Amino acid sequence: MVVIVVAACPPGLRGELTRWLLEVSPGTFVGRLSKRVRERVWQRVVEGVGTGRATIVWRANNEQGLEFLTHGDTWKVSDFDGISLITRPNPQQTELRRKGVKLSDSDEGGLQQGWSMASRNRRR
């Protein structure tokens, strides 16, 4: 099973996706594709999405039972011990970066040593 979600994309791309998938809601396409077809359809989506955004999700034999890719979005896919997570940027930090302000590691949203209650209890 494959799910492709597109937003702010050209109408031609949506029409092209309906050749292989069903559009169950505006911008949401579902269907069954082989790996080869899925990869080629995703390549066409990346080429045709322009300034829009696209996400593809498919069934996989892993811990989560799925895999996904994104394109044209500020959200990034992060691998954490074999589990895929979505990292969303902090709008305030994005604005500071745009202005050229250098951020430290703790400002980047990274966890500082000893941030949890368990860590505090170990120090006692």
PDB file of N, CA and C in Angstrom:
ATOM      1  N   MET A   1       0.844  -1.179   0.000  1.00  0.00           N
ATOM      2  CA  MET A   1       0.000   0.000   0.000  1.00  0.00           C
ATOM      3  C   MET A   1       0.885   1.236   0.000  1.00  0.00           C
ATOM      4  N   VAL A   2       0.501   2.213  -0.782  1.00  0.00           N
ATOM      5  CA  VAL A   2       1.247   3.466  -0.905  1.00  0.00           C
ATOM      6  C   VAL A   2       0.277   4.622  -0.703  1.00  0.00           C
ATOM      7  N   VAL A   3       0.716   5.627   0.051  1.00  0.00           N
ATOM      8  CA  VAL A   3      -0.047   6.863   0.220  1.00  0.00           C
ATOM      9  C   VAL A   3       0.867   8.013  -0.169  1.00  0.00           C
ATOM     10  N   ILE A   4       0.400   8.880  -1.060  1.00  0.00           N
ATOM     11  CA  ILE A   4       1.138  10.083  -1.443  1.00  0.00           C
ATOM     12  C   ILE A   4       0.247  11.276  -1.135  1.00  0.00           C
ATOM     13  N   VAL A   5       0.803  12.245  -0.418  1.00  0.00           N
ATOM     14  CA  VAL A   5       0.082  13.476  -0.096  1.00  0.00           C
ATOM     15  C   VAL A   5       0.849  14.632  -0.720  1.00  0.00           C
ATOM     16  N   VAL A   6       0.159  15.439  -1.520  1.00  0.00           N
ATOM     17  CA  VAL A   6       0.782  16.609  -2.140  1.00  0.00           C
ATOM     18  C   VAL A   6       0.006  17.853  -1.726  1.00  0.00           C
ATOM     19  N   ALA A   7       0.728  18.952  -1.591  1.00  0.00           N
ATOM     20  CA  ALA A   7       0.103  20.232  -1.243  1.00  0.00           C
ATOM     21  C   ALA A   7       0.762  21.328  -2.061  1.00  0.00           C
ATOM     22  N   ALA A   8      -0.034  22.278  -2.508  1.00  0.00           N
ATOM     23  CA  ALA A   8       0.447  23.426  -3.288  1.00  0.00           C
ATOM     24  C   ALA A   8       1.216  22.963  -4.524  1.00  0.00           C
ATOM     25  N   CYS A   9       0.682  21.968  -5.201  1.00  0.00           N
ATOM     26  CA  CYS A   9       1.346  21.428  -6.389  1.00  0.00           C
ATOM     27  C   CYS A   9       0.548  21.796  -7.637  1.00  0.00           C
ATOM     28  N   PRO A  10       1.174  21.735  -8.794  1.00  0.00           N
ATOM     29  CA  PRO A  10       0.465  22.019 -10.043  1.00  0.00           C
ATOM     30  C   PRO A  10      -0.646  20.991 -10.296  1.00  0.00           C
ATOM     31  N   PRO A  11      -1.761  21.421 -10.899  1.00  0.00           N
ATOM     32  CA  PRO A  11      -2.856  20.480 -11.191  1.00  0.00           C
ATOM     33  C   PRO A  11      -2.426  19.322 -12.088  1.00  0.00           C
ATOM     34  N   GLY A  12      -1.457  19.552 -12.955  1.00  0.00           N
ATOM     35  CA  GLY A  12      -0.982  18.487 -13.834  1.00  0.00           C
ATOM     36  C   GLY A  12      -0.391  17.320 -13.071  1.00  0.00           C
ATOM     37  N   LEU A  13       0.268  17.598 -11.954  1.00  0.00           N
ATOM     38  CA  LEU A  13       0.854  16.527 -11.146  1.00  0.00           C
ATOM     39  C   LEU A  13      -0.253  15.679 -10.526  1.00  0.00           C
ATOM     40  N   ARG A  14      -1.288  16.323 -10.032  1.00  0.00           N
ATOM     41  CA  ARG A  14      -2.412  15.571  -9.464  1.00  0.00           C
ATOM     42  C   ARG A  14      -3.058  14.701 -10.533  1.00  0.00           C
ATOM     43  N   GLY A  15      -3.196  15.231 -11.742  1.00  0.00           N
ATOM     44  CA  GLY A  15      -3.754  14.438 -12.831  1.00  0.00           C
ATOM     45  C   GLY A  15      -2.878  13.257 -13.186  1.00  0.00           C
ATOM     46  N   GLU A  16      -1.578  13.480 -13.158  1.00  0.00           N
ATOM     47  CA  GLU A  16      -0.649  12.394 -13.475  1.00  0.00           C
ATOM     48  C   GLU A  16      -0.700  11.293 -12.416  1.00  0.00           C
ATOM     49  N   LEU A  17      -0.830  11.675 -11.152  1.00  0.00           N
ATOM     50  CA  LEU A  17      -0.896  10.678 -10.086  1.00  0.00           C
ATOM     51  C   LEU A  17      -2.158   9.820 -10.176  1.00  0.00           C
ATOM     52  N   THR A  18      -3.240  10.383 -10.731  1.00  0.00           N
ATOM     53  CA  THR A  18      -4.472   9.596 -10.845  1.00  0.00           C
ATOM     54  C   THR A  18      -4.346   8.472 -11.871  1.00  0.00           C
ATOM     55  N   ARG A  19      -3.281   8.448 -12.644  1.00  0.00           N
ATOM     56  CA  ARG A  19      -3.048   7.335 -13.570  1.00  0.00           C
ATOM     57  C   ARG A  19      -2.749   6.044 -12.815  1.00  0.00           C
ATOM     58  N   TRP A  20      -2.099   6.169 -11.652  1.00  0.00           N
ATOM     59  CA  TRP A  20      -1.672   4.994 -10.897  1.00  0.00           C
ATOM     60  C   TRP A  20      -2.388   4.837  -9.564  1.00  0.00           C
ATOM     61  N   LEU A  21      -2.907   5.932  -9.010  1.00  0.00           N
ATOM     62  CA  LEU A  21      -3.462   5.904  -7.660  1.00  0.00           C
ATOM     63  C   LEU A  21      -4.855   6.530  -7.634  1.00  0.00           C
ATOM     64  N   LEU A  22      -5.608   6.229  -6.594  1.00  0.00           N
ATOM     65  CA  LEU A  22      -6.921   6.839  -6.391  1.00  0.00           C
ATOM     66  C   LEU A  22      -6.770   8.089  -5.534  1.00  0.00           C
ATOM     67  N   GLU A  23      -7.440   9.166  -5.919  1.00  0.00           N
ATOM     68  CA  GLU A  23      -7.416  10.393  -5.115  1.00  0.00           C
ATOM     69  C   GLU A  23      -8.619  10.337  -4.174  1.00  0.00           C
ATOM     70  N   VAL A  24      -8.386   9.933  -2.916  1.00  0.00           N
ATOM     71  CA  VAL A  24      -9.470   9.744  -1.954  1.00  0.00           C
ATOM     72  C   VAL A  24      -9.891  11.040  -1.279  1.00  0.00           C
ATOM     73  N   SER A  25      -9.033  12.031  -1.318  1.00  0.00           N
ATOM     74  CA  SER A  25      -9.299  13.360  -0.773  1.00  0.00           C
ATOM     75  C   SER A  25      -8.399  14.304  -1.551  1.00  0.00           C
ATOM     76  N   PRO A  26      -8.729  15.596  -1.625  1.00  0.00           N
ATOM     77  CA  PRO A  26      -7.871  16.492  -2.409  1.00  0.00           C
ATOM     78  C   PRO A  26      -6.399  16.417  -1.982  1.00  0.00           C
ATOM     79  N   GLY A  27      -5.549  16.007  -2.901  1.00  0.00           N
ATOM     80  CA  GLY A  27      -4.115  15.923  -2.642  1.00  0.00           C
ATOM     81  C   GLY A  27      -3.661  14.649  -1.968  1.00  0.00           C
ATOM     82  N   THR A  28      -4.562  13.701  -1.681  1.00  0.00           N
ATOM     83  CA  THR A  28      -4.213  12.443  -1.019  1.00  0.00           C
ATOM     84  C   THR A  28      -4.504  11.285  -1.967  1.00  0.00           C
ATOM     85  N   PHE A  29      -3.456  10.551  -2.317  1.00  0.00           N
ATOM     86  CA  PHE A  29      -3.549   9.463  -3.292  1.00  0.00           C
ATOM     87  C   PHE A  29      -3.155   8.152  -2.621  1.00  0.00           C
ATOM     88  N   VAL A  30      -3.913   7.089  -2.866  1.00  0.00           N
ATOM     89  CA  VAL A  30      -3.619   5.780  -2.283  1.00  0.00           C
ATOM     90  C   VAL A  30      -3.701   4.710  -3.360  1.00  0.00           C
ATOM     91  N   GLY A  31      -2.971   3.612  -3.126  1.00  0.00           N
ATOM     92  CA  GLY A  31      -3.018   2.491  -4.054  1.00  0.00           C
ATOM     93  C   GLY A  31      -1.930   1.483  -3.749  1.00  0.00           C
ATOM     94  N   ARG A  32      -1.861   0.459  -4.572  1.00  0.00           N
ATOM     95  CA  ARG A  32      -0.831  -0.578  -4.452  1.00  0.00           C
ATOM     96  C   ARG A  32       0.095  -0.453  -5.644  1.00  0.00           C
ATOM     97  N   LEU A  33       1.376  -0.293  -5.366  1.00  0.00           N
ATOM     98  CA  LEU A  33       2.380  -0.173  -6.421  1.00  0.00           C
ATOM     99  C   LEU A  33       3.546  -1.086  -6.100  1.00  0.00           C
ATOM    100  N   SER A  34       4.188  -1.614  -7.128  1.00  0.00           N
ATOM    101  CA  SER A  34       5.423  -2.358  -6.912  1.00  0.00           C
ATOM    102  C   SER A  34       6.522  -1.367  -6.532  1.00  0.00           C
ATOM    103  N   LYS A  35       7.616  -1.892  -6.027  1.00  0.00           N
ATOM    104  CA  LYS A  35       8.717  -1.024  -5.605  1.00  0.00           C
ATOM    105  C   LYS A  35       9.232  -0.184  -6.769  1.00  0.00           C
ATOM    106  N   ARG A  36       9.413  -0.804  -7.916  1.00  0.00           N
ATOM    107  CA  ARG A  36       9.938  -0.081  -9.081  1.00  0.00           C
ATOM    108  C   ARG A  36       8.995   1.048  -9.510  1.00  0.00           C
ATOM    109  N   VAL A  37       7.719   0.751  -9.591  1.00  0.00           N
ATOM    110  CA  VAL A  37       6.746   1.775  -9.992  1.00  0.00           C
ATOM    111  C   VAL A  37       6.679   2.874  -8.937  1.00  0.00           C
ATOM    112  N   ARG A  38       6.675   2.481  -7.649  1.00  0.00           N
ATOM    113  CA  ARG A  38       6.643   3.466  -6.561  1.00  0.00           C
ATOM    114  C   ARG A  38       7.819   4.429  -6.662  1.00  0.00           C
ATOM    115  N   GLU A  39       9.019   3.913  -6.904  1.00  0.00           N
ATOM    116  CA  GLU A  39      10.200   4.772  -7.001  1.00  0.00           C
ATOM    117  C   GLU A  39      10.113   5.711  -8.198  1.00  0.00           C
ATOM    118  N   ARG A  40       9.607   5.214  -9.308  1.00  0.00           N
ATOM    119  CA  ARG A  40       9.481   6.078 -10.498  1.00  0.00           C
ATOM    120  C   ARG A  40       8.377   7.116 -10.330  1.00  0.00           C
ATOM    121  N   VAL A  41       7.285   6.742  -9.698  1.00  0.00           N
ATOM    122  CA  VAL A  41       6.219   7.714  -9.428  1.00  0.00           C
ATOM    123  C   VAL A  41       6.740   8.793  -8.490  1.00  0.00           C
ATOM    124  N   TRP A  42       7.485   8.401  -7.453  1.00  0.00           N
ATOM    125  CA  TRP A  42       8.036   9.393  -6.523  1.00  0.00           C
ATOM    126  C   TRP A  42       9.007  10.330  -7.248  1.00  0.00           C
ATOM    127  N   GLN A  43       9.812   9.788  -8.143  1.00  0.00           N
ATOM    128  CA  GLN A  43      10.729  10.621  -8.921  1.00  0.00           C
ATOM    129  C   GLN A  43       9.946  11.649  -9.734  1.00  0.00           C
ATOM    130  N   ARG A  44       8.841  11.239 -10.347  1.00  0.00           N
ATOM    131  CA  ARG A  44       8.001  12.177 -11.110  1.00  0.00           C
ATOM    132  C   ARG A  44       7.374  13.226 -10.195  1.00  0.00           C
ATOM    133  N   VAL A  45       6.987  12.826  -8.981  1.00  0.00           N
ATOM    134  CA  VAL A  45       6.411  13.772  -8.016  1.00  0.00           C
ATOM    135  C   VAL A  45       7.447  14.817  -7.640  1.00  0.00           C
ATOM    136  N   VAL A  46       8.665  14.387  -7.329  1.00  0.00           N
ATOM    137  CA  VAL A  46       9.736  15.322  -6.938  1.00  0.00           C
ATOM    138  C   VAL A  46      10.027  16.295  -8.074  1.00  0.00           C
ATOM    139  N   GLU A  47      10.047  15.803  -9.303  1.00  0.00           N
ATOM    140  CA  GLU A  47      10.309  16.679 -10.451  1.00  0.00           C
ATOM    141  C   GLU A  47       9.158  17.643 -10.709  1.00  0.00           C
ATOM    142  N   GLY A  48       7.928  17.215 -10.440  1.00  0.00           N
ATOM    143  CA  GLY A  48       6.773  18.015 -10.817  1.00  0.00           C
ATOM    144  C   GLY A  48       6.137  18.847  -9.727  1.00  0.00           C
ATOM    145  N   VAL A  49       6.574  18.683  -8.481  1.00  0.00           N
ATOM    146  CA  VAL A  49       5.896  19.368  -7.379  1.00  0.00           C
ATOM    147  C   VAL A  49       6.209  20.860  -7.334  1.00  0.00           C
ATOM    148  N   GLY A  50       7.294  21.276  -7.962  1.00  0.00           N
ATOM    149  CA  GLY A  50       7.653  22.701  -7.983  1.00  0.00           C
ATOM    150  C   GLY A  50       7.940  23.226  -6.588  1.00  0.00           C
ATOM    151  N   THR A  51       7.247  24.290  -6.188  1.00  0.00           N
ATOM    152  CA  THR A  51       7.463  24.866  -4.855  1.00  0.00           C
ATOM    153  C   THR A  51       6.545  24.245  -3.816  1.00  0.00           C
ATOM    154  N   GLY A  52       5.772  23.233  -4.201  1.00  0.00           N
ATOM    155  CA  GLY A  52       4.854  22.579  -3.272  1.00  0.00           C
ATOM    156  C   GLY A  52       5.568  21.568  -2.387  1.00  0.00           C
ATOM    157  N   ARG A  53       4.751  20.782  -1.683  1.00  0.00           N
ATOM    158  CA  ARG A  53       5.277  19.777  -0.765  1.00  0.00           C
ATOM    159  C   ARG A  53       4.689  18.414  -1.118  1.00  0.00           C
ATOM    160  N   ALA A  54       5.444  17.372  -0.821  1.00  0.00           N
ATOM    161  CA  ALA A  54       4.961  16.015  -1.083  1.00  0.00           C
ATOM    162  C   ALA A  54       5.512  15.064  -0.033  1.00  0.00           C
ATOM    163  N   THR A  55       4.701  14.080   0.316  1.00  0.00           N
ATOM    164  CA  THR A  55       5.095  13.034   1.254  1.00  0.00           C
ATOM    165  C   THR A  55       4.600  11.709   0.693  1.00  0.00           C
ATOM    166  N   ILE A  56       5.448  10.691   0.794  1.00  0.00           N
ATOM    167  CA  ILE A  56       5.049   9.346   0.377  1.00  0.00           C
ATOM    168  C   ILE A  56       5.270   8.403   1.556  1.00  0.00           C
ATOM    169  N   VAL A  57       4.304   7.515   1.777  1.00  0.00           N
ATOM    170  CA  VAL A  57       4.373   6.519   2.849  1.00  0.00           C
ATOM    171  C   VAL A  57       4.054   5.169   2.223  1.00  0.00           C
ATOM    172  N   TRP A  58       4.841   4.148   2.585  1.00  0.00           N
ATOM    173  CA  TRP A  58       4.566   2.812   2.065  1.00  0.00           C
ATOM    174  C   TRP A  58       4.846   1.775   3.139  1.00  0.00           C
ATOM    175  N   ARG A  59       4.212   0.615   2.959  1.00  0.00           N
ATOM    176  CA  ARG A  59       4.364  -0.497   3.886  1.00  0.00           C
ATOM    177  C   ARG A  59       5.777  -1.046   3.781  1.00  0.00           C
ATOM    178  N   ALA A  60       6.365  -1.374   4.941  1.00  0.00           N
ATOM    179  CA  ALA A  60       7.722  -1.925   4.957  1.00  0.00           C
ATOM    180  C   ALA A  60       7.827  -2.960   6.069  1.00  0.00           C
ATOM    181  N   ASN A  61       8.782  -3.837   5.936  1.00  0.00           N
ATOM    182  CA  ASN A  61       9.007  -4.872   6.937  1.00  0.00           C
ATOM    183  C   ASN A  61      10.045  -4.374   7.942  1.00  0.00           C
ATOM    184  N   ASN A  62       9.638  -3.435   8.790  1.00  0.00           N
ATOM    185  CA  ASN A  62      10.522  -2.917   9.833  1.00  0.00           C
ATOM    186  C   ASN A  62       9.717  -2.728  11.111  1.00  0.00           C
ATOM    187  N   GLU A  63      10.329  -2.165  12.129  1.00  0.00           N
ATOM    188  CA  GLU A  63       9.684  -2.001  13.434  1.00  0.00           C
ATOM    189  C   GLU A  63       8.399  -1.181  13.353  1.00  0.00           C
ATOM    190  N   GLN A  64       8.405  -0.133  12.568  1.00  0.00           N
ATOM    191  CA  GLN A  64       7.233   0.727  12.447  1.00  0.00           C
ATOM    192  C   GLN A  64       6.195   0.181  11.468  1.00  0.00           C
ATOM    193  N   GLY A  65       6.620  -0.672  10.569  1.00  0.00           N
ATOM    194  CA  GLY A  65       5.704  -1.216   9.581  1.00  0.00           C
ATOM    195  C   GLY A  65       5.512  -0.312   8.382  1.00  0.00           C
ATOM    196  N   LEU A  66       6.278   0.776   8.325  1.00  0.00           N
ATOM    197  CA  LEU A  66       6.162   1.708   7.206  1.00  0.00           C
ATOM    198  C   LEU A  66       7.461   2.478   7.041  1.00  0.00           C
ATOM    199  N   GLU A  67       7.603   3.066   5.872  1.00  0.00           N
ATOM    200  CA  GLU A  67       8.703   3.988   5.590  1.00  0.00           C
ATOM    201  C   GLU A  67       8.112   5.177   4.877  1.00  0.00           C
ATOM    202  N   PHE A  68       8.802   6.312   4.928  1.00  0.00           N
ATOM    203  CA  PHE A  68       8.275   7.505   4.271  1.00  0.00           C
ATOM    204  C   PHE A  68       9.394   8.433   3.856  1.00  0.00           C
ATOM    205  N   LEU A  69       9.079   9.281   2.877  1.00  0.00           N
ATOM    206  CA  LEU A  69       9.981  10.317   2.385  1.00  0.00           C
ATOM    207  C   LEU A  69       9.188  11.610   2.277  1.00  0.00           C
ATOM    208  N   THR A  70       9.873  12.731   2.402  1.00  0.00           N
ATOM    209  CA  THR A  70       9.232  14.027   2.212  1.00  0.00           C
ATOM    210  C   THR A  70      10.051  14.833   1.217  1.00  0.00           C
ATOM    211  N   HIS A  71       9.394  15.786   0.577  1.00  0.00           N
ATOM    212  CA  HIS A  71      10.083  16.673  -0.361  1.00  0.00           C
ATOM    213  C   HIS A  71       9.451  18.051  -0.287  1.00  0.00           C
ATOM    214  N   GLY A  72      10.290  19.080  -0.258  1.00  0.00           N
ATOM    215  CA  GLY A  72       9.810  20.453  -0.296  1.00  0.00           C
ATOM    216  C   GLY A  72       9.227  20.943   1.008  1.00  0.00           C
ATOM    217  N   ASP A  73       9.493  20.263   2.093  1.00  0.00           N
ATOM    218  CA  ASP A  73       8.952  20.662   3.384  1.00  0.00           C
ATOM    219  C   ASP A  73      10.090  20.988   4.334  1.00  0.00           C
ATOM    220  N   THR A  74       9.811  21.829   5.317  1.00  0.00           N
ATOM    221  CA  THR A  74      10.834  22.154   6.305  1.00  0.00           C
ATOM    222  C   THR A  74      10.959  21.045   7.339  1.00  0.00           C
ATOM    223  N   TRP A  75       9.994  20.156   7.410  1.00  0.00           N
ATOM    224  CA  TRP A  75      10.089  19.019   8.313  1.00  0.00           C
ATOM    225  C   TRP A  75      11.071  18.017   7.725  1.00  0.00           C
ATOM    226  N   LYS A  76      11.949  17.487   8.557  1.00  0.00           N
ATOM    227  CA  LYS A  76      12.983  16.562   8.111  1.00  0.00           C
ATOM    228  C   LYS A  76      12.768  15.190   8.733  1.00  0.00           C
ATOM    229  N   VAL A  77      13.113  14.155   7.998  1.00  0.00           N
ATOM    230  CA  VAL A  77      13.050  12.786   8.500  1.00  0.00           C
ATOM    231  C   VAL A  77      14.366  12.490   9.198  1.00  0.00           C
ATOM    232  N   SER A  78      14.278  12.055  10.461  1.00  0.00           N
ATOM    233  CA  SER A  78      15.462  11.719  11.248  1.00  0.00           C
ATOM    234  C   SER A  78      15.390  10.249  11.639  1.00  0.00           C
ATOM    235  N   ASP A  79      16.519   9.552  11.533  1.00  0.00           N
ATOM    236  CA  ASP A  79      16.584   8.157  11.936  1.00  0.00           C
ATOM    237  C   ASP A  79      17.102   8.093  13.367  1.00  0.00           C
ATOM    238  N   PHE A  80      16.352   7.451  14.250  1.00  0.00           N
ATOM    239  CA  PHE A  80      16.752   7.305  15.643  1.00  0.00           C
ATOM    240  C   PHE A  80      16.702   5.822  15.981  1.00  0.00           C
ATOM    241  N   ASP A  81      17.852   5.166  15.968  1.00  0.00           N
ATOM    242  CA  ASP A  81      17.955   3.731  16.239  1.00  0.00           C
ATOM    243  C   ASP A  81      17.020   2.898  15.371  1.00  0.00           C
ATOM    244  N   GLY A  82      16.945   3.232  14.096  1.00  0.00           N
ATOM    245  CA  GLY A  82      16.130   2.472  13.169  1.00  0.00           C
ATOM    246  C   GLY A  82      14.677   2.891  13.105  1.00  0.00           C
ATOM    247  N   ILE A  83      14.292   3.873  13.901  1.00  0.00           N
ATOM    248  CA  ILE A  83      12.922   4.383  13.875  1.00  0.00           C
ATOM    249  C   ILE A  83      12.944   5.755  13.222  1.00  0.00           C
ATOM    250  N   SER A  84      12.096   5.951  12.243  1.00  0.00           N
ATOM    251  CA  SER A  84      12.036   7.236  11.544  1.00  0.00           C
ATOM    252  C   SER A  84      11.160   8.202  12.327  1.00  0.00           C
ATOM    253  N   LEU A  85      11.694   9.381  12.563  1.00  0.00           N
ATOM    254  CA  LEU A  85      10.975  10.431  13.275  1.00  0.00           C
ATOM    255  C   LEU A  85      10.960  11.686  12.424  1.00  0.00           C
ATOM    256  N   ILE A  86       9.989  12.550  12.656  1.00  0.00           N
ATOM    257  CA  ILE A  86       9.903  13.828  11.962  1.00  0.00           C
ATOM    258  C   ILE A  86      10.436  14.911  12.881  1.00  0.00           C
ATOM    259  N   THR A  87      11.367  15.700  12.374  1.00  0.00           N
ATOM    260  CA  THR A  87      11.914  16.837  13.105  1.00  0.00           C
ATOM    261  C   THR A  87      11.310  18.103  12.521  1.00  0.00           C
ATOM    262  N   ARG A  88      10.603  18.841  13.363  1.00  0.00           N
ATOM    263  CA  ARG A  88       9.992  20.096  12.920  1.00  0.00           C
ATOM    264  C   ARG A  88      10.853  21.257  13.400  1.00  0.00           C
ATOM    265  N   PRO A  89      11.139  22.215  12.540  1.00  0.00           N
ATOM    266  CA  PRO A  89      11.956  23.352  12.956  1.00  0.00           C
ATOM    267  C   PRO A  89      11.172  24.287  13.875  1.00  0.00           C
ATOM    268  N   ASN A  90      11.893  24.927  14.782  1.00  0.00           N
ATOM    269  CA  ASN A  90      11.310  25.926  15.668  1.00  0.00           C
ATOM    270  C   ASN A  90      11.218  27.232  14.888  1.00  0.00           C
ATOM    271  N   PRO A  91      10.032  27.836  14.751  1.00  0.00           N
ATOM    272  CA  PRO A  91       9.897  29.055  13.940  1.00  0.00           C
ATOM    273  C   PRO A  91      10.775  30.210  14.434  1.00  0.00           C
ATOM    274  N   GLN A  92      10.961  30.320  15.748  1.00  0.00           N
ATOM    275  CA  GLN A  92      11.795  31.403  16.284  1.00  0.00           C
ATOM    276  C   GLN A  92      13.255  31.200  15.886  1.00  0.00           C
ATOM    277  N   GLN A  93      13.733  29.952  15.958  1.00  0.00           N
ATOM    278  CA  GLN A  93      15.114  29.682  15.568  1.00  0.00           C
ATOM    279  C   GLN A  93      15.304  29.881  14.069  1.00  0.00           C
ATOM    280  N   THR A  94      14.301  29.523  13.291  1.00  0.00           N
ATOM    281  CA  THR A  94      14.380  29.723  11.846  1.00  0.00           C
ATOM    282  C   THR A  94      14.507  31.202  11.521  1.00  0.00           C
ATOM    283  N   GLU A  95      13.747  32.031  12.205  1.00  0.00           N
ATOM    284  CA  GLU A  95      13.811  33.478  11.988  1.00  0.00           C
ATOM    285  C   GLU A  95      15.175  34.031  12.401  1.00  0.00           C
ATOM    286  N   LEU A  96      15.733  33.549  13.516  1.00  0.00           N
ATOM    287  CA  LEU A  96      17.061  34.000  13.950  1.00  0.00           C
ATOM    288  C   LEU A  96      18.128  33.599  12.932  1.00  0.00           C
ATOM    289  N   ARG A  97      18.039  32.360  12.410  1.00  0.00           N
ATOM    290  CA  ARG A  97      19.004  31.923  11.399  1.00  0.00           C
ATOM    291  C   ARG A  97      18.910  32.786  10.152  1.00  0.00           C
ATOM    292  N   ARG A  98      17.689  33.142   9.772  1.00  0.00           N
ATOM    293  CA  ARG A  98      17.480  33.981   8.593  1.00  0.00           C
ATOM    294  C   ARG A  98      18.151  35.343   8.781  1.00  0.00           C
ATOM    295  N   LYS A  99      18.181  35.829  10.019  1.00  0.00           N
ATOM    296  CA  LYS A  99      18.813  37.120  10.319  1.00  0.00           C
ATOM    297  C   LYS A  99      20.323  36.988  10.481  1.00  0.00           C
ATOM    298  N   GLY A 100      20.839  35.745  10.485  1.00  0.00           N
ATOM    299  CA  GLY A 100      22.275  35.535  10.565  1.00  0.00           C
ATOM    300  C   GLY A 100      22.801  35.349  11.971  1.00  0.00           C
ATOM    301  N   VAL A 101      21.924  35.111  12.947  1.00  0.00           N
ATOM    302  CA  VAL A 101      22.352  34.915  14.331  1.00  0.00           C
ATOM    303  C   VAL A 101      22.863  33.487  14.479  1.00  0.00           C
ATOM    304  N   LYS A 102      24.061  33.333  15.079  1.00  0.00           N
ATOM    305  CA  LYS A 102      24.648  32.009  15.309  1.00  0.00           C
ATOM    306  C   LYS A 102      24.057  31.437  16.590  1.00  0.00           C
ATOM    307  N   LEU A 103      23.523  30.211  16.522  1.00  0.00           N
ATOM    308  CA  LEU A 103      22.903  29.572  17.672  1.00  0.00           C
ATOM    309  C   LEU A 103      23.831  28.522  18.255  1.00  0.00           C
ATOM    310  N   SER A 104      23.811  28.385  19.586  1.00  0.00           N
ATOM    311  CA  SER A 104      24.609  27.352  20.247  1.00  0.00           C
ATOM    312  C   SER A 104      23.868  26.019  20.157  1.00  0.00           C
ATOM    313  N   ASP A 105      24.525  24.924  20.560  1.00  0.00           N
ATOM    314  CA  ASP A 105      23.901  23.604  20.498  1.00  0.00           C
ATOM    315  C   ASP A 105      22.655  23.524  21.364  1.00  0.00           C
ATOM    316  N   SER A 106      22.694  24.154  22.551  1.00  0.00           N
ATOM    317  CA  SER A 106      21.522  24.105  23.420  1.00  0.00           C
ATOM    318  C   SER A 106      20.368  24.902  22.820  1.00  0.00           C
ATOM    319  N   ASP A 107      20.675  25.957  22.049  1.00  0.00           N
ATOM    320  CA  ASP A 107      19.632  26.735  21.384  1.00  0.00           C
ATOM    321  C   ASP A 107      19.040  25.984  20.202  1.00  0.00           C
ATOM    322  N   GLU A 108      19.790  25.033  19.659  1.00  0.00           N
ATOM    323  CA  GLU A 108      19.327  24.277  18.498  1.00  0.00           C
ATOM    324  C   GLU A 108      18.255  23.268  18.875  1.00  0.00           C
ATOM    325  N   GLY A 109      17.940  23.161  20.145  1.00  0.00           N
ATOM    326  CA  GLY A 109      16.919  22.209  20.556  1.00  0.00           C
ATOM    327  C   GLY A 109      17.503  20.873  20.967  1.00  0.00           C
ATOM    328  N   GLY A 110      18.833  20.746  20.974  1.00  0.00           N
ATOM    329  CA  GLY A 110      19.464  19.523  21.423  1.00  0.00           C
ATOM    330  C   GLY A 110      19.261  19.349  22.918  1.00  0.00           C
ATOM    331  N   LEU A 111      19.195  18.103  23.358  1.00  0.00           N
ATOM    332  CA  LEU A 111      18.988  17.858  24.771  1.00  0.00           C
ATOM    333  C   LEU A 111      20.287  18.073  25.519  1.00  0.00           C
ATOM    334  N   GLN A 112      20.178  18.769  26.624  1.00  0.00           N
ATOM    335  CA  GLN A 112      21.355  19.022  27.435  1.00  0.00           C
ATOM    336  C   GLN A 112      21.564  17.843  28.371  1.00  0.00           C
ATOM    337  N   GLN A 113      22.791  17.645  28.792  1.00  0.00           N
ATOM    338  CA  GLN A 113      23.120  16.578  29.715  1.00  0.00           C
ATOM    339  C   GLN A 113      22.354  16.797  31.010  1.00  0.00           C
ATOM    340  N   GLY A 114      21.660  15.766  31.467  1.00  0.00           N
ATOM    341  CA  GLY A 114      20.970  15.859  32.742  1.00  0.00           C
ATOM    342  C   GLY A 114      19.642  16.575  32.683  1.00  0.00           C
ATOM    343  N   TRP A 115      18.922  16.476  31.612  1.00  0.00           N
ATOM    344  CA  TRP A 115      17.661  17.201  31.475  1.00  0.00           C
ATOM    345  C   TRP A 115      16.484  16.487  32.115  1.00  0.00           C
ATOM    346  N   SER A 116      16.568  15.173  32.317  1.00  0.00           N
ATOM    347  CA  SER A 116      15.418  14.416  32.805  1.00  0.00           C
ATOM    348  C   SER A 116      15.420  14.288  34.323  1.00  0.00           C
ATOM    349  N   MET A 117      14.264  13.902  34.869  1.00  0.00           N
ATOM    350  CA  MET A 117      14.141  13.675  36.314  1.00  0.00           C
ATOM    351  C   MET A 117      15.028  12.503  36.730  1.00  0.00           C
ATOM    352  N   ALA A 118      15.114  11.458  35.908  1.00  0.00           N
ATOM    353  CA  ALA A 118      15.953  10.306  36.230  1.00  0.00           C
ATOM    354  C   ALA A 118      17.410  10.727  36.341  1.00  0.00           C
ATOM    355  N   SER A 119      17.849  11.614  35.467  1.00  0.00           N
ATOM    356  CA  SER A 119      19.224  12.089  35.515  1.00  0.00           C
ATOM    357  C   SER A 119      19.471  12.890  36.785  1.00  0.00           C
ATOM    358  N   ARG A 120      18.512  13.691  37.165  1.00  0.00           N
ATOM    359  CA  ARG A 120      18.666  14.465  38.412  1.00  0.00           C
ATOM    360  C   ARG A 120      18.744  13.543  39.613  1.00  0.00           C
ATOM    361  N   ASN A 121      17.940  12.479  39.630  1.00  0.00           N
ATOM    362  CA  ASN A 121      17.961  11.542  40.753  1.00  0.00           C
ATOM    363  C   ASN A 121      19.279  10.788  40.824  1.00  0.00           C
ATOM    364  N   ARG A 122      19.901  10.486  39.688  1.00  0.00           N
ATOM    365  CA  ARG A 122      21.190   9.793  39.683  1.00  0.00           C
ATOM    366  C   ARG A 122      22.291  10.651  40.267  1.00  0.00           C
ATOM    367  N   ARG A 123      22.180  11.962  40.116  1.00  0.00           N
ATOM    368  CA  ARG A 123      23.216  12.865  40.622  1.00  0.00           C
ATOM    369  C   ARG A 123      23.169  12.977  42.136  1.00  0.00           C
ATOM    370  N   ARG A 124      22.065  12.646  42.743  1.00  0.00           N
ATOM    371  CA  ARG A 124      21.916  12.806  44.206  1.00  0.00           C
ATOM    372  C   ARG A 124      22.577  11.722  44.971  1.00  0.00           C
TER     373      ARG A 124
END
